[in-house]
Amino acid sequence: YVGVLWTNHWFFTDAPTDPLPPGVTYAKRRGYGDGVLELHAGFQLTAHGSLRGVFVEYALWLPQQNDPGDGFKLARDHFLMVTARF
């Protein structure tokens, strides 16, 4: 199977209290979160049609938008998952 997803993540943290140099400020929140395009591909290692088996899935997360005020920036990530259903 293959899949394409759009996910959005919001990070709610306290405002930083670190002292900054004169004239430097933190970015303000924009409110739109951090958007990620997820690409998934997987397959079943056992007989087709069986509800039982071992499954392998690969996912690639590609950041598409970043709210600079939340203090986080998501990076490109690769995931490999192996699951078993009995």
N, C-alpha and C. Protein backbone atom coordinates (compact mmCIF):
# COMPACT_ATOMS: atom_id res chain seq x y z
N TYR A 1 0.84 -1.17 0.00
CA TYR A 1 0.00 0.00 0.00
C TYR A 1 0.88 1.23 0.00
N VAL A 2 0.31 2.32 -0.41
CA VAL A 2 0.99 3.61 -0.36
C VAL A 2 0.00 4.63 0.21
N GLY A 3 0.52 5.63 0.82
CA GLY A 3 -0.34 6.67 1.38
C GLY A 3 0.37 8.00 1.41
N VAL A 4 -0.43 9.05 1.30
CA VAL A 4 0.07 10.42 1.42
C VAL A 4 -0.80 11.12 2.44
N LEU A 5 -0.18 11.73 3.44
CA LEU A 5 -0.91 12.42 4.50
C LEU A 5 -0.38 13.83 4.67
N TRP A 6 -1.23 14.70 5.13
CA TRP A 6 -0.82 16.03 5.59
C TRP A 6 -1.12 16.08 7.08
N THR A 7 -0.12 16.35 7.89
CA THR A 7 -0.34 16.48 9.33
C THR A 7 0.13 17.87 9.76
N ASN A 8 -0.48 18.35 10.82
CA ASN A 8 -0.10 19.65 11.37
C ASN A 8 0.12 19.48 12.86
N HIS A 9 1.19 20.06 13.38
CA HIS A 9 1.57 19.92 14.78
C HIS A 9 1.66 21.31 15.41
N TRP A 10 1.08 21.43 16.60
CA TRP A 10 1.19 22.67 17.37
C TRP A 10 1.93 22.35 18.65
N PHE A 11 2.91 23.16 19.00
CA PHE A 11 3.70 22.99 20.21
C PHE A 11 3.32 24.11 21.17
N PHE A 12 2.83 23.72 22.33
CA PHE A 12 2.43 24.70 23.34
C PHE A 12 3.43 24.64 24.48
N THR A 13 4.25 25.64 24.59
CA THR A 13 5.27 25.71 25.63
C THR A 13 5.21 27.08 26.28
N ASP A 14 5.84 27.19 27.43
CA ASP A 14 5.95 28.49 28.08
C ASP A 14 6.89 29.37 27.28
N ALA A 15 6.68 30.66 27.37
CA ALA A 15 7.56 31.60 26.69
C ALA A 15 8.97 31.48 27.27
N PRO A 16 9.99 31.52 26.44
CA PRO A 16 11.36 31.44 26.96
C PRO A 16 11.67 32.60 27.89
N THR A 17 12.48 32.33 28.88
CA THR A 17 12.86 33.37 29.83
C THR A 17 14.35 33.69 29.74
N ASP A 18 15.03 33.12 28.74
CA ASP A 18 16.47 33.37 28.60
C ASP A 18 16.70 34.84 28.29
N PRO A 19 17.71 35.42 28.92
CA PRO A 19 18.03 36.81 28.57
C PRO A 19 18.61 36.88 27.15
N LEU A 20 18.16 37.85 26.39
CA LEU A 20 18.63 38.03 25.02
C LEU A 20 19.49 39.28 24.93
N PRO A 21 20.38 39.31 23.94
CA PRO A 21 21.17 40.53 23.75
C PRO A 21 20.27 41.71 23.43
N PRO A 22 20.71 42.92 23.69
CA PRO A 22 19.91 44.11 23.39
C PRO A 22 19.49 44.14 21.91
N GLY A 23 18.23 44.47 21.66
CA GLY A 23 17.71 44.58 20.31
C GLY A 23 17.27 43.27 19.69
N VAL A 24 17.42 42.14 20.40
CA VAL A 24 17.03 40.83 19.87
C VAL A 24 15.75 40.38 20.56
N THR A 25 14.79 39.89 19.80
CA THR A 25 13.53 39.39 20.37
C THR A 25 13.22 38.01 19.79
N TYR A 26 12.40 37.28 20.49
CA TYR A 26 11.93 36.00 19.97
C TYR A 26 10.86 36.24 18.91
N ALA A 27 10.75 35.32 17.98
CA ALA A 27 9.71 35.41 16.95
C ALA A 27 8.34 35.21 17.59
N LYS A 28 7.34 35.90 17.06
CA LYS A 28 5.97 35.75 17.56
C LYS A 28 5.32 34.53 16.92
N ARG A 29 4.42 33.92 17.68
CA ARG A 29 3.66 32.80 17.13
C ARG A 29 2.74 33.30 16.02
N ARG A 30 2.64 32.51 14.96
CA ARG A 30 1.73 32.83 13.87
C ARG A 30 0.42 32.06 14.01
N GLY A 31 0.47 30.92 14.74
CA GLY A 31 -0.74 30.17 15.00
C GLY A 31 -1.07 29.08 14.01
N TYR A 32 -0.30 28.95 12.94
CA TYR A 32 -0.63 27.94 11.94
C TYR A 32 0.09 26.61 12.15
N GLY A 33 0.95 26.51 13.12
CA GLY A 33 1.60 25.23 13.44
C GLY A 33 2.69 24.85 12.45
N ASP A 34 3.13 23.61 12.58
CA ASP A 34 4.19 23.08 11.74
C ASP A 34 3.61 21.95 10.89
N GLY A 35 3.54 22.16 9.59
CA GLY A 35 2.91 21.20 8.69
C GLY A 35 3.92 20.23 8.09
N VAL A 36 3.49 18.97 7.98
CA VAL A 36 4.36 17.92 7.47
C VAL A 36 3.61 17.11 6.41
N LEU A 37 4.25 16.90 5.28
CA LEU A 37 3.75 15.99 4.26
C LEU A 37 4.36 14.62 4.56
N GLU A 38 3.51 13.60 4.74
CA GLU A 38 3.99 12.25 5.07
C GLU A 38 3.74 11.33 3.89
N LEU A 39 4.78 10.63 3.47
CA LEU A 39 4.69 9.65 2.40
C LEU A 39 4.92 8.27 3.02
N HIS A 40 4.00 7.35 2.81
CA HIS A 40 4.07 6.02 3.41
C HIS A 40 4.03 4.96 2.32
N ALA A 41 4.80 3.88 2.51
CA ALA A 41 4.75 2.71 1.64
C ALA A 41 4.94 1.49 2.52
N GLY A 42 4.13 0.46 2.30
CA GLY A 42 4.24 -0.73 3.11
C GLY A 42 3.82 -1.97 2.37
N PHE A 43 4.16 -3.11 2.94
CA PHE A 43 3.75 -4.38 2.34
C PHE A 43 3.64 -5.45 3.41
N GLN A 44 2.93 -6.49 3.07
CA GLN A 44 2.69 -7.62 3.97
C GLN A 44 3.63 -8.75 3.56
N LEU A 45 4.33 -9.33 4.55
CA LEU A 45 5.30 -10.37 4.26
C LEU A 45 4.68 -11.77 4.22
N THR A 46 3.42 -11.90 4.55
CA THR A 46 2.78 -13.20 4.59
C THR A 46 1.75 -13.30 3.47
N ALA A 47 1.01 -14.40 3.44
CA ALA A 47 0.06 -14.67 2.35
C ALA A 47 -0.93 -13.52 2.18
N HIS A 48 -1.16 -13.16 0.95
CA HIS A 48 -2.10 -12.08 0.63
C HIS A 48 -3.51 -12.46 1.09
N GLY A 49 -4.21 -11.53 1.70
CA GLY A 49 -5.57 -11.78 2.15
C GLY A 49 -5.66 -12.27 3.58
N SER A 50 -4.56 -12.72 4.15
CA SER A 50 -4.58 -13.19 5.54
C SER A 50 -4.62 -11.99 6.48
N LEU A 51 -5.40 -12.11 7.55
CA LEU A 51 -5.43 -11.04 8.55
C LEU A 51 -4.24 -11.13 9.49
N ARG A 52 -3.57 -12.25 9.48
CA ARG A 52 -2.38 -12.43 10.33
C ARG A 52 -1.14 -12.26 9.47
N GLY A 53 -0.09 -11.77 10.11
CA GLY A 53 1.15 -11.66 9.36
C GLY A 53 2.09 -10.62 9.90
N VAL A 54 3.13 -10.42 9.14
CA VAL A 54 4.16 -9.43 9.46
C VAL A 54 4.09 -8.36 8.37
N PHE A 55 4.14 -7.12 8.79
CA PHE A 55 4.01 -5.98 7.89
C PHE A 55 5.22 -5.07 8.05
N VAL A 56 5.67 -4.50 6.94
CA VAL A 56 6.79 -3.57 6.95
C VAL A 56 6.30 -2.27 6.32
N GLU A 57 6.62 -1.16 6.97
CA GLU A 57 6.20 0.14 6.45
C GLU A 57 7.36 1.12 6.55
N TYR A 58 7.52 1.92 5.53
CA TYR A 58 8.50 3.00 5.50
C TYR A 58 7.73 4.30 5.37
N ALA A 59 8.16 5.30 6.12
CA ALA A 59 7.52 6.62 6.04
C ALA A 59 8.59 7.70 5.95
N LEU A 60 8.30 8.70 5.15
CA LEU A 60 9.18 9.86 5.00
C LEU A 60 8.36 11.09 5.36
N TRP A 61 8.83 11.87 6.33
CA TRP A 61 8.15 13.10 6.73
C TRP A 61 8.92 14.27 6.14
N LEU A 62 8.22 15.11 5.39
CA LEU A 62 8.82 16.27 4.76
C LEU A 62 8.16 17.54 5.29
N PRO A 63 8.86 18.33 6.12
CA PRO A 63 8.28 19.56 6.63
C PRO A 63 7.92 20.52 5.51
N GLN A 64 6.73 21.13 5.61
CA GLN A 64 6.25 22.05 4.59
C GLN A 64 6.02 23.46 5.10
N GLN A 65 5.76 23.61 6.40
CA GLN A 65 5.58 24.94 6.96
C GLN A 65 6.10 24.93 8.39
N ASN A 66 6.53 26.10 8.85
CA ASN A 66 7.10 26.23 10.19
C ASN A 66 6.58 27.52 10.82
N ASP A 67 5.98 27.38 12.00
CA ASP A 67 5.60 28.56 12.78
C ASP A 67 6.82 28.94 13.61
N PRO A 68 7.51 30.03 13.29
CA PRO A 68 8.76 30.35 13.97
C PRO A 68 8.60 30.66 15.45
N GLY A 69 7.40 31.01 15.89
CA GLY A 69 7.22 31.41 17.28
C GLY A 69 7.02 30.28 18.26
N ASP A 70 6.90 29.04 17.79
CA ASP A 70 6.67 27.95 18.75
C ASP A 70 7.98 27.38 19.30
N GLY A 71 9.10 27.84 18.79
CA GLY A 71 10.39 27.40 19.32
C GLY A 71 10.86 26.06 18.77
N PHE A 72 10.14 25.47 17.83
CA PHE A 72 10.51 24.19 17.24
C PHE A 72 10.55 24.32 15.72
N LYS A 73 11.40 23.55 15.12
CA LYS A 73 11.39 23.41 13.66
C LYS A 73 11.56 21.93 13.39
N LEU A 74 10.60 21.35 12.70
CA LEU A 74 10.66 19.92 12.41
C LEU A 74 11.67 19.66 11.29
N ALA A 75 12.33 18.52 11.35
CA ALA A 75 13.31 18.12 10.36
C ALA A 75 12.76 16.99 9.50
N ARG A 76 13.36 16.77 8.35
CA ARG A 76 13.01 15.62 7.52
C ARG A 76 13.33 14.35 8.32
N ASP A 77 12.40 13.42 8.35
CA ASP A 77 12.57 12.20 9.14
C ASP A 77 12.24 10.98 8.30
N HIS A 78 12.95 9.89 8.58
CA HIS A 78 12.70 8.59 7.95
C HIS A 78 12.30 7.62 9.05
N PHE A 79 11.26 6.83 8.79
CA PHE A 79 10.79 5.84 9.76
C PHE A 79 10.68 4.48 9.07
N LEU A 80 11.12 3.45 9.75
CA LEU A 80 10.94 2.08 9.28
C LEU A 80 10.24 1.33 10.41
N MET A 81 9.08 0.76 10.10
CA MET A 81 8.28 0.08 11.13
C MET A 81 8.05 -1.36 10.70
N VAL A 82 8.12 -2.26 11.65
CA VAL A 82 7.80 -3.67 11.44
C VAL A 82 6.77 -4.03 12.49
N THR A 83 5.63 -4.57 12.05
CA THR A 83 4.57 -4.93 12.98
C THR A 83 4.13 -6.37 12.70
N ALA A 84 3.55 -6.99 13.71
CA ALA A 84 3.03 -8.35 13.57
C ALA A 84 1.59 -8.37 14.07
N ARG A 85 0.73 -9.05 13.35
CA ARG A 85 -0.66 -9.21 13.75
C ARG A 85 -0.94 -10.71 13.87
N PHE A 86 -1.44 -11.11 15.04
CA PHE A 86 -1.70 -12.53 15.30
C PHE A 86 -3.18 -12.80 15.40
